[in-house]
Protein backbone atom coordinates (compact mmCIF):
# COMPACT_ATOMS: atom_id res chain seq x y z
CA MET A 1 0.30 0.09 0.15
CA HIS A 2 0.85 3.40 0.38
CA ILE A 3 3.99 3.20 2.33
CA GLY A 4 6.07 6.29 3.14
CA SER A 5 5.59 9.77 3.93
CA ARG A 6 8.05 12.80 4.30
CA THR A 7 5.80 13.98 7.48
CA ALA A 8 5.18 12.92 10.81
CA ARG A 9 1.20 14.54 10.42
CA PHE A 10 0.94 11.74 7.05
CA ALA A 11 2.94 8.70 9.03
CA ALA A 12 0.56 9.24 11.94
CA ALA A 13 -2.08 8.65 9.88
CA PHE A 14 -1.50 5.91 7.93
CA ILE A 15 -0.36 4.22 10.98
CA LEU A 16 -3.42 4.84 12.45
CA THR A 17 -5.22 3.37 9.55
CA PHE A 18 -3.68 0.26 8.59
CA GLY A 19 -1.06 0.08 11.39
CA LEU A 20 2.00 -1.61 10.40
CA ALA A 21 1.43 -1.42 7.17
CA ALA A 22 2.25 1.82 6.48
CA CYS A 23 5.46 2.98 7.88
CA GLY A 24 6.27 0.22 10.26
CA THR A 25 7.48 0.69 13.75
CA ASN A 26 9.93 3.60 13.28
CA ASN A 27 6.82 6.06 12.47
CA GLY A 28 7.88 9.99 12.25
CA ALA A 29 6.68 10.25 9.60
CA GLY A 30 14.17 -8.92 -8.94
CA SER A 31 13.00 -5.56 -10.73
CA GLY A 32 15.10 -4.05 -13.86
CA GLY A 33 17.27 -1.10 -13.57
CA VAL A 34 17.37 2.21 -14.73
CA ALA A 35 16.22 1.70 -18.21
CA GLY A 36 15.78 4.91 -21.30
CA ALA A 37 13.10 6.13 -22.37
CA SER A 38 10.01 5.31 -21.21
CA ALA A 39 7.63 3.60 -23.85
CA LEU A 40 4.70 5.08 -22.11
CA PRO A 41 2.20 7.13 -24.36
CA LYS A 42 3.02 10.89 -23.57
CA ALA A 43 -0.45 12.41 -22.46
CA SER A 44 1.21 15.38 -21.91
CA GLY A 45 2.50 16.12 -25.42
CA GLY A 46 6.58 15.59 -24.40
CA THR A 47 8.73 17.31 -22.01
CA GLY A 48 9.64 21.11 -21.68
CA ALA A 49 12.81 22.71 -20.95
CA SER A 50 12.04 22.76 -16.98
CA GLY A 51 12.03 19.11 -17.35
CA ALA A 52 8.25 19.46 -16.29
CA PRO A 53 5.66 18.19 -18.66
CA ALA A 54 4.88 19.93 -21.99
CA SER A 55 2.01 21.84 -22.22
CA SER A 56 1.62 21.11 -25.90
CA GLY A 57 -1.11 18.94 -27.54
CA PRO A 58 -4.30 17.56 -25.79
CA ALA A 59 -4.05 13.74 -24.90
CA ALA A 60 -6.34 12.63 -27.69
CA ASP A 61 -8.69 15.23 -27.82
CA VAL A 62 -9.92 13.75 -24.35
CA THR A 63 -13.16 16.09 -22.90
CA GLY A 64 -15.55 16.31 -20.16
CA GLU A 65 -14.94 16.04 -16.56
CA ILE A 66 -13.36 13.25 -14.12
CA SER A 67 -13.35 12.48 -10.49
CA VAL A 68 -10.09 11.21 -8.80
CA TRP A 69 -9.72 9.94 -4.84
CA ALA A 70 -6.30 10.20 -3.25
CA MET A 71 -5.55 9.72 -0.09
CA GLY A 72 -3.15 11.42 2.84
CA ALA A 73 -0.44 14.29 1.75
CA GLU A 74 -0.61 12.73 -2.10
CA GLY A 75 -4.19 14.04 -1.80
CA THR A 76 -3.71 17.53 -0.72
CA LYS A 77 -0.82 17.96 -2.94
CA LEU A 78 -2.49 16.35 -6.10
CA LYS A 79 -4.26 19.28 -7.62
CA VAL A 80 -0.44 20.13 -8.71
CA LEU A 81 -0.47 17.48 -11.06
CA ALA A 82 -4.23 18.14 -11.79
CA GLU A 83 -3.49 21.78 -12.97
CA ALA A 84 -0.66 20.37 -15.18
CA PHE A 85 -2.79 17.84 -16.96
CA THR A 86 -5.68 20.21 -17.51
CA LYS A 87 -2.71 22.87 -19.14
CA ALA A 88 -1.83 20.28 -21.46
CA ASN A 89 -6.23 19.00 -21.99
CA PRO A 90 -7.94 22.22 -21.50
CA ASN A 91 -11.46 20.30 -22.46
CA VAL A 92 -10.62 17.94 -19.40
CA LYS A 93 -11.89 19.33 -15.44
CA VAL A 94 -10.18 16.90 -12.95
CA ASN A 95 -11.87 17.14 -9.38
CA VAL A 96 -9.33 15.67 -6.56
CA THR A 97 -10.57 14.92 -3.36
CA PRO A 98 -8.20 14.18 -0.45
CA VAL A 99 -9.48 11.27 1.45
CA ASP A 100 -7.94 11.00 4.73
CA TRP A 101 -6.06 7.38 5.29
CA GLY A 102 -8.26 7.13 8.17
CA GLN A 103 -11.52 6.93 6.12
CA ALA A 104 -10.37 5.26 2.82
CA VAL A 105 -11.14 2.03 3.37
CA THR A 106 -14.94 2.54 4.65
CA LYS A 107 -15.29 5.17 1.87
CA LEU A 108 -14.16 2.99 -0.76
CA GLN A 109 -16.05 -0.02 0.61
CA THR A 110 -19.26 2.38 0.59
CA ALA A 111 -18.47 3.86 -3.24
CA ILE A 112 -18.46 0.47 -4.54
CA ALA A 113 -21.12 -1.09 -3.16
CA GLY A 114 -23.61 2.25 -4.04
CA GLY A 115 -21.68 2.20 -7.23
CA SER A 116 -20.85 5.73 -6.36
CA THR A 117 -17.24 5.25 -7.04
CA PRO A 118 -14.98 7.80 -8.46
CA ASP A 119 -13.32 7.68 -12.13
CA VAL A 120 -9.92 7.08 -10.19
CA SER A 121 -8.07 6.38 -7.18
CA GLN A 122 -5.49 6.14 -5.57
CA MET A 123 -5.19 2.84 -4.09
CA GLY A 124 -2.45 1.17 -1.91
CA THR A 125 -0.50 -1.66 -3.27
CA ASP A 126 -1.69 -3.86 -0.46
CA MET A 127 -5.53 -3.25 -1.12
CA MET A 128 -5.44 -4.04 -5.19
CA ALA A 129 -7.20 -7.54 -4.55
CA GLN A 130 -9.04 -6.03 -1.51
CA PHE A 131 -10.74 -4.03 -3.70
CA GLY A 132 -10.13 -4.91 -6.83
CA ALA A 133 -11.71 -8.60 -7.54
CA ASN A 134 -14.99 -8.68 -9.69
CA GLY A 135 -14.12 -6.29 -12.03
CA THR A 136 -14.23 -3.21 -9.94
CA PHE A 137 -10.89 -1.95 -11.77
CA ASP A 138 -11.04 -1.95 -15.68
CA PRO A 139 -8.31 -3.51 -17.09
CA VAL A 140 -5.18 -1.43 -18.23
CA PRO A 141 -5.09 -0.59 -21.52
CA ALA A 142 -2.66 -2.30 -23.93
CA ASP A 143 -0.59 0.53 -24.95
CA ILE A 144 0.88 1.08 -21.22
CA ASP A 145 4.21 -0.72 -21.44
CA PRO A 146 4.64 -2.41 -18.23
CA SER A 147 8.55 -2.56 -18.56
CA ALA A 148 8.71 0.96 -17.92
CA PHE A 149 7.78 0.56 -14.46
CA PHE A 150 9.73 -1.70 -11.72
CA GLU A 151 8.57 -4.87 -11.86
CA THR A 152 7.95 -5.79 -8.46
CA ALA A 153 5.15 -2.56 -8.47
CA TRP A 154 3.63 -3.87 -11.97
CA ASN A 155 2.99 -6.78 -10.46
CA THR A 156 1.34 -5.77 -7.28
CA ASN A 157 -1.50 -4.35 -10.21
CA MET A 158 -2.05 -8.42 -10.95
CA ILE A 159 -5.66 -10.08 -10.35
CA ASP A 160 -6.16 -13.03 -11.83
CA GLY A 161 -3.16 -12.86 -14.47
CA ALA A 162 -4.70 -9.24 -15.76
CA ALA A 163 -3.12 -5.78 -14.82
CA VAL A 164 -6.18 -3.53 -13.16
CA GLY A 165 -3.82 -0.76 -11.94
CA VAL A 166 -0.97 1.12 -13.15
CA PRO A 167 2.08 2.13 -10.35
CA TRP A 168 2.08 5.49 -8.91
CA TYR A 169 4.56 5.90 -6.78
CA VAL A 170 7.26 3.67 -4.87
CA GLU A 171 9.52 3.19 -1.62
CA THR A 172 11.59 0.64 -0.56
CA ARG A 173 13.43 0.79 2.48
CA LEU A 174 17.13 0.85 3.36
CA LEU A 175 19.28 0.84 6.60
CA TYR A 176 20.04 3.59 8.49
CA TYR A 177 23.03 4.23 10.82
CA ARG A 178 25.03 6.69 13.05
CA LYS A 179 28.14 6.51 11.35
CA ASP A 180 30.01 8.34 13.78
CA LEU A 181 29.10 6.10 16.49
CA ALA A 182 29.87 3.68 14.30
CA GLU A 183 33.87 5.00 13.98
CA LYS A 184 33.52 5.26 17.77
CA ALA A 185 32.99 1.68 17.70
CA GLY A 186 36.26 0.64 15.33
CA ILE A 187 33.72 0.31 12.59
CA THR A 188 33.91 2.31 9.03
CA ALA A 189 31.61 0.90 6.86
CA PRO A 190 28.01 0.19 6.66
CA PRO A 191 27.16 -3.48 7.53
CA ALA A 192 27.22 -6.00 4.14
CA THR A 193 25.87 -9.01 5.70
CA TRP A 194 23.62 -10.56 8.23
CA ASP A 195 26.68 -11.44 10.38
CA ASP A 196 28.16 -7.45 9.70
CA LEU A 197 24.72 -6.20 11.37
CA LYS A 198 24.67 -8.27 14.68
CA ALA A 199 28.05 -7.28 14.88
CA MET A 200 27.78 -3.93 13.96
CA ALA A 201 24.75 -3.78 16.65
CA THR A 202 26.84 -5.14 19.54
CA ALA A 203 29.84 -2.84 18.95
CA LEU A 204 27.38 0.38 18.94
CA LYS A 205 26.06 -0.65 22.30
CA ALA A 206 29.26 -2.16 23.86
CA LYS A 207 31.35 0.24 22.53
CA GLY A 208 29.71 2.88 20.32
CA GLY A 209 28.18 4.53 23.36
CA ALA A 210 24.21 3.90 22.37
CA LYS A 211 21.75 2.22 24.36
CA TRP A 212 20.92 -0.38 21.94
CA GLY A 213 22.66 -1.62 19.01
CA ILE A 214 19.31 -1.36 16.41
CA SER A 215 15.52 -0.45 16.98
CA LEU A 216 13.58 -3.83 15.31
CA GLY A 217 9.89 -3.51 15.79
CA THR A 218 8.17 -6.58 18.11
CA LYS A 219 5.29 -6.98 15.70
CA ASN A 220 6.19 -5.01 12.74
CA TRP A 221 5.99 -7.63 9.41
CA GLN A 222 7.53 -5.33 7.17
CA GLU A 223 10.59 -5.52 9.24
CA TYR A 224 10.60 -9.51 9.51
CA VAL A 225 9.96 -10.43 6.11
CA PRO A 226 13.00 -8.94 4.08
CA PHE A 227 14.69 -11.51 6.26
CA LEU A 228 12.67 -14.29 5.06
CA TRP A 229 13.36 -13.23 1.16
CA GLN A 230 16.98 -12.35 2.11
CA ASN A 231 17.27 -16.16 3.48
CA GLY A 232 15.83 -17.44 -0.10
CA GLY A 233 12.58 -17.97 2.00
CA ASP A 234 8.96 -16.38 0.78
CA ILE A 235 5.71 -15.86 2.27
CA ALA A 236 4.11 -18.04 -0.14
CA ASP A 237 4.76 -20.28 -3.60
CA ALA A 238 3.68 -19.41 -6.91
CA SER A 239 0.36 -20.86 -6.32
CA GLY A 240 -0.18 -19.19 -3.05
CA THR A 241 0.45 -21.79 -0.70
CA PRO A 242 1.68 -20.38 2.58
CA THR A 243 5.64 -20.80 3.40
CA LEU A 244 6.02 -19.51 6.65
CA ASN A 245 7.54 -22.72 7.64
CA THR A 246 10.44 -23.45 5.72
CA PRO A 247 14.32 -23.77 7.17
CA GLN A 248 14.30 -20.67 5.79
CA ALA A 249 11.53 -19.10 7.55
CA VAL A 250 12.87 -20.47 11.00
CA GLU A 251 16.44 -19.58 10.39
CA ALA A 252 15.31 -15.85 9.30
CA LEU A 253 12.89 -15.83 12.56
CA THR A 254 15.94 -17.27 14.49
CA PHE A 255 18.42 -14.30 13.32
CA TYR A 256 15.21 -11.44 13.89
CA ASP A 257 14.45 -12.50 17.90
CA SER A 258 18.28 -12.37 18.33
CA PHE A 259 18.66 -9.09 18.38
CA PHE A 260 15.68 -8.91 21.18
CA LYS A 261 17.23 -11.89 22.92
CA ASP A 262 20.85 -10.51 23.05
CA GLY A 263 19.22 -6.83 24.50
CA LEU A 264 20.13 -5.24 21.05
CA THR A 265 16.54 -3.97 20.39
CA PRO A 266 14.18 -2.81 22.76
CA LYS A 267 11.44 -4.95 23.47
CA SER A 268 9.01 -2.06 24.66
CA VAL A 269 8.58 1.47 23.41
CA PRO A 270 6.37 4.20 24.70
CA GLU A 271 3.17 4.78 23.01
CA GLY A 272 4.01 7.19 19.84
CA PHE A 273 7.64 6.22 20.15
CA ASP A 274 9.53 8.52 17.04
CA ILE A 275 12.55 7.19 16.33
CA THR A 276 13.47 10.28 14.49
CA PRO A 277 15.04 12.09 17.97
CA ALA A 278 16.05 8.62 19.28
CA PHE A 279 18.18 8.33 16.41
CA VAL A 280 19.73 12.17 16.62
CA LYS A 281 20.52 11.87 20.20
CA GLY A 282 22.32 8.21 19.75
CA ASP A 283 20.43 5.78 21.51
CA ASN A 284 18.62 4.17 18.83
CA PRO A 285 21.85 3.98 16.45
CA MET A 286 20.11 1.91 13.60
CA PHE A 287 17.00 1.33 11.84
CA ILE A 288 15.44 0.28 8.59
CA SER A 289 13.00 2.89 7.21
CA GLY A 290 12.10 4.56 3.93
CA PRO A 291 12.78 7.46 2.18
CA TRP A 292 10.26 9.92 3.89
CA HIS A 293 13.03 10.06 7.11
CA LEU A 294 15.82 11.31 5.14
CA SER A 295 14.01 15.27 5.49
CA LEU A 296 13.29 14.16 8.90
CA ILE A 297 16.81 13.15 10.48
CA LYS A 298 17.86 16.29 8.00
CA ASP A 299 15.30 18.51 10.03
CA ALA A 300 15.19 17.34 13.40
CA GLY A 301 19.57 17.30 13.18
CA GLY A 302 20.35 20.24 11.58
CA ALA A 303 23.51 21.33 9.76
CA ASP A 304 25.95 20.11 12.41
CA PHE A 305 24.16 16.70 12.24
CA THR A 306 25.00 15.96 8.37
CA ASP A 307 27.89 13.87 8.66
CA LYS A 308 27.06 11.99 11.47
CA TRP A 309 25.04 9.60 9.75
CA ALA A 310 24.40 7.74 6.64
CA ILE A 311 22.24 4.99 4.54
CA ALA A 312 23.12 1.70 3.07
CA PRO A 313 21.74 -0.77 1.30
CA MET A 314 20.14 -3.84 3.38
CA PRO A 315 22.65 -6.29 4.52
CA LYS A 316 22.80 -9.79 2.33
CA LYS A 317 22.16 -12.96 3.17
CA ALA A 318 21.65 -14.97 0.31
CA SER A 319 20.08 -11.63 -1.60
CA GLY A 320 19.70 -7.95 -0.65
CA THR A 321 16.15 -7.95 -0.89
CA SER A 322 14.09 -5.44 0.94
CA PHE A 323 10.14 -4.42 0.82
CA LEU A 324 8.50 -2.33 -1.69
CA GLY A 325 5.55 -0.32 -0.84
CA GLY A 326 4.01 2.83 -2.67
CA SER A 327 0.53 3.69 -4.05
CA ASN A 328 -1.42 2.90 -8.07
CA MET A 329 -3.95 4.36 -9.89
CA VAL A 330 -7.17 2.62 -10.84
CA VAL A 331 -9.57 3.37 -13.28
CA TYR A 332 -12.96 1.98 -11.99
CA ASN A 333 -15.26 0.32 -14.44
CA ALA A 334 -18.29 1.84 -13.56
CA SER A 335 -16.49 5.39 -14.44
CA LYS A 336 -18.83 7.47 -17.23
CA ASN A 337 -15.48 9.09 -18.82
CA LYS A 338 -13.19 6.22 -19.45
CA PRO A 339 -11.13 7.86 -22.42
CA ALA A 340 -10.01 10.99 -19.77
CA ALA A 341 -9.72 9.05 -16.41
CA TRP A 342 -7.10 6.93 -18.79
CA ALA A 343 -5.70 9.89 -20.09
CA PHE A 344 -4.88 11.09 -16.90
CA VAL A 345 -3.07 7.72 -15.06
CA LYS A 346 -1.13 7.90 -18.30
CA PHE A 347 -0.26 11.44 -17.60
CA LEU A 348 0.65 10.58 -14.21
CA ALA A 349 2.99 7.91 -15.47
CA ASP A 350 4.66 10.05 -17.92
CA PRO A 351 8.64 10.30 -16.62
CA ALA A 352 8.85 13.89 -16.40
CA THR A 353 5.61 13.86 -14.23
CA GLN A 354 6.80 11.79 -12.34
CA ALA A 355 9.64 13.35 -11.92
CA LEU A 356 7.66 16.71 -11.36
CA TRP A 357 5.74 14.29 -8.46
CA TYR A 358 9.03 13.70 -6.52
CA LYS A 359 9.86 17.29 -6.75
CA THR A 360 6.28 17.89 -4.96
CA VAL A 361 6.10 15.29 -2.58
CA SER A 362 9.15 13.63 -2.13
CA ASP A 363 7.50 10.01 -3.64
CA LEU A 364 9.88 7.77 -5.44
CA PRO A 365 9.13 7.29 -8.92
CA ALA A 366 7.87 4.24 -10.16
CA VAL A 367 8.72 4.81 -14.03
CA LYS A 368 12.14 4.01 -14.15
CA SER A 369 13.27 6.00 -16.92
CA ALA A 370 11.97 8.71 -14.36
CA TRP A 371 15.16 8.38 -12.23
CA GLU A 372 17.27 10.30 -14.82
CA ASN A 373 15.35 13.43 -14.43
CA PRO A 374 18.00 15.82 -12.61
CA ASP A 375 15.52 16.66 -10.03
CA VAL A 376 15.42 12.84 -8.57
CA ALA A 377 19.34 11.87 -10.22
CA THR A 378 21.28 14.66 -8.25
CA ASP A 379 20.20 13.51 -4.40
CA PRO A 380 22.97 10.15 -3.49
CA ASN A 381 20.68 9.49 -0.91
CA VAL A 382 17.74 9.01 -3.18
CA LYS A 383 20.07 7.07 -5.99
CA LEU A 384 20.58 4.24 -2.56
CA PHE A 385 16.96 4.16 -2.51
CA GLY A 386 16.93 3.89 -6.26
CA ASP A 387 19.82 1.04 -6.16
CA GLN A 388 17.61 -0.90 -4.02
CA LEU A 389 14.46 -1.12 -5.93
CA LYS A 390 16.08 -3.28 -8.38
CA ASP A 391 16.11 -6.14 -5.44
CA THR A 392 12.57 -5.65 -3.68
CA LYS A 393 9.32 -7.82 -3.39
CA ALA A 394 5.64 -7.27 -2.27
CA GLN A 395 3.29 -9.18 -0.01
CA PRO A 396 1.19 -11.53 -1.99
CA VAL A 397 -1.60 -9.55 -4.06
CA SER A 398 -4.55 -11.29 -1.80
CA GLY A 399 -7.41 -10.00 -0.71
CA THR A 400 -6.91 -11.61 2.74
CA TRP A 401 -3.31 -10.18 2.99
CA SER A 402 -4.49 -7.88 6.12
CA GLU A 403 -5.61 -10.45 7.86
CA VAL A 404 -2.91 -12.77 6.98
CA SER A 405 -0.19 -9.77 8.17
CA SER A 406 -2.25 -9.19 11.31
CA ALA A 407 -1.75 -13.16 12.64
CA ILE A 408 2.14 -12.73 11.44
CA ASN A 409 2.38 -9.57 13.83
CA ASP A 410 0.56 -10.99 16.57
CA THR A 411 2.49 -13.99 16.77
CA LEU A 412 5.98 -12.12 16.05
CA GLU A 413 5.30 -10.27 19.64
CA LYS A 414 4.95 -13.86 21.21
CA MET A 415 7.93 -14.32 19.97
CA THR A 416 10.10 -11.21 19.99
CA THR A 417 8.49 -10.07 23.86
CA GLY A 418 6.89 -13.61 25.24
CA GLY A 419 9.82 -16.02 24.53
CA MET A 420 7.89 -18.37 22.04
CA GLU A 421 10.73 -20.09 20.17
CA PRO A 422 11.41 -19.48 16.50
CA GLN A 423 10.16 -23.12 15.12
CA ALA A 424 6.98 -22.58 16.96
CA ALA A 425 6.34 -19.12 15.99
CA ALA A 426 6.68 -20.16 11.96
CA ASP A 427 4.31 -23.22 12.73
CA GLU A 428 2.12 -20.62 14.37
CA MET A 429 2.32 -18.20 11.19
CA GLN A 430 1.86 -21.24 8.83
CA GLN A 431 -0.61 -22.54 10.45
CA GLN A 432 -2.92 -19.30 10.70
CA ALA A 433 -2.14 -18.27 6.98
CA GLU A 434 -3.89 -21.51 5.99
CA SER A 435 -6.39 -21.40 8.16
CA ILE A 436 -7.05 -18.11 6.46
CA GLY A 437 -6.37 -18.73 3.12
CA LEU A 438 -3.74 -16.39 0.95
CA LYS A 439 -5.33 -16.62 -2.98
């Protein structure tokens, strides 16, 4: 789903709605590499000198009105792109309705049941199957090229073998760490492997002066599951059968739990815990999070803090796979103006529009070629997120995922704080996932 925000306001709202599926515990808020020019249709007529979408020529002479729902911070900022679209397509009026994440599920359910959907809406990646069954979304037109997008992001739109949405923006997770405290502990490079991560967490607490070695969530599937992927395991196989108690899963749970057993990460945090000030203070010198924390740390730490921290790719075992989140855009089958609706979605997927959106709200482009735009490519930290996007996975496209992920979180908590052994935790996760179902 939508994962990632640059502001504490948005992260808090998202956590209240979808719990740990949004920004994880640390609130405060194979895909291909970067390719050449996108094969997407140019709904805007090309790119202007500024890198913003050009305003010459309408998209297939579309006319009329369309309604668009978007959530959270994106909902309040989408008017920037709507205005750019209408400048290129003066015969179309775009009515944007911001929707609070706390009301999104209920509002969407009511609209779909009552046949009163908007023409277009934002849809979290883990919401696709929940709302996209039974032909709710219009199939993606054949002239939108899947290869233009990060593969993992595109696959979140696949329901019953058909694409029913288009990636809008993406996010993934990297390791944030206190470079100065690591150097104090005798470590001069970020952890490249699982063993390095454990050694660095140990050294940060024992020699670096930190209260903890790393901050991991006691019940955060988004922080645990990447370790499962990195160890060669998965949530389910290709047929949708859960695979949560394989040897790879037990080993990943054992590694994850070891940070709690060894006192390297807290077993409880205060209500509303924000990792940002704890990171700046030095109490929690490592954590895993998305791109929204770049600006939060800069704001909290100030200019004097710039050289004291860094980000790094996820440590590797069999792989260095990280979690992929973000949001898609869908057109509803009930739309009365599908030509204009799809023209708007194509416009949002134009590489120049993607770069403008990044410049507007710092959401990472889902279109690979947009990463070549100077507005995106000039920040070395953002480039690290782009590199990590080449090795990401997402949760299964399943209408029951919210139930399964909640069960995983409950079992994780039993293990990390209640003493349940990793094998027992893996077996319980498997049993619950089988009972709920993932297909």
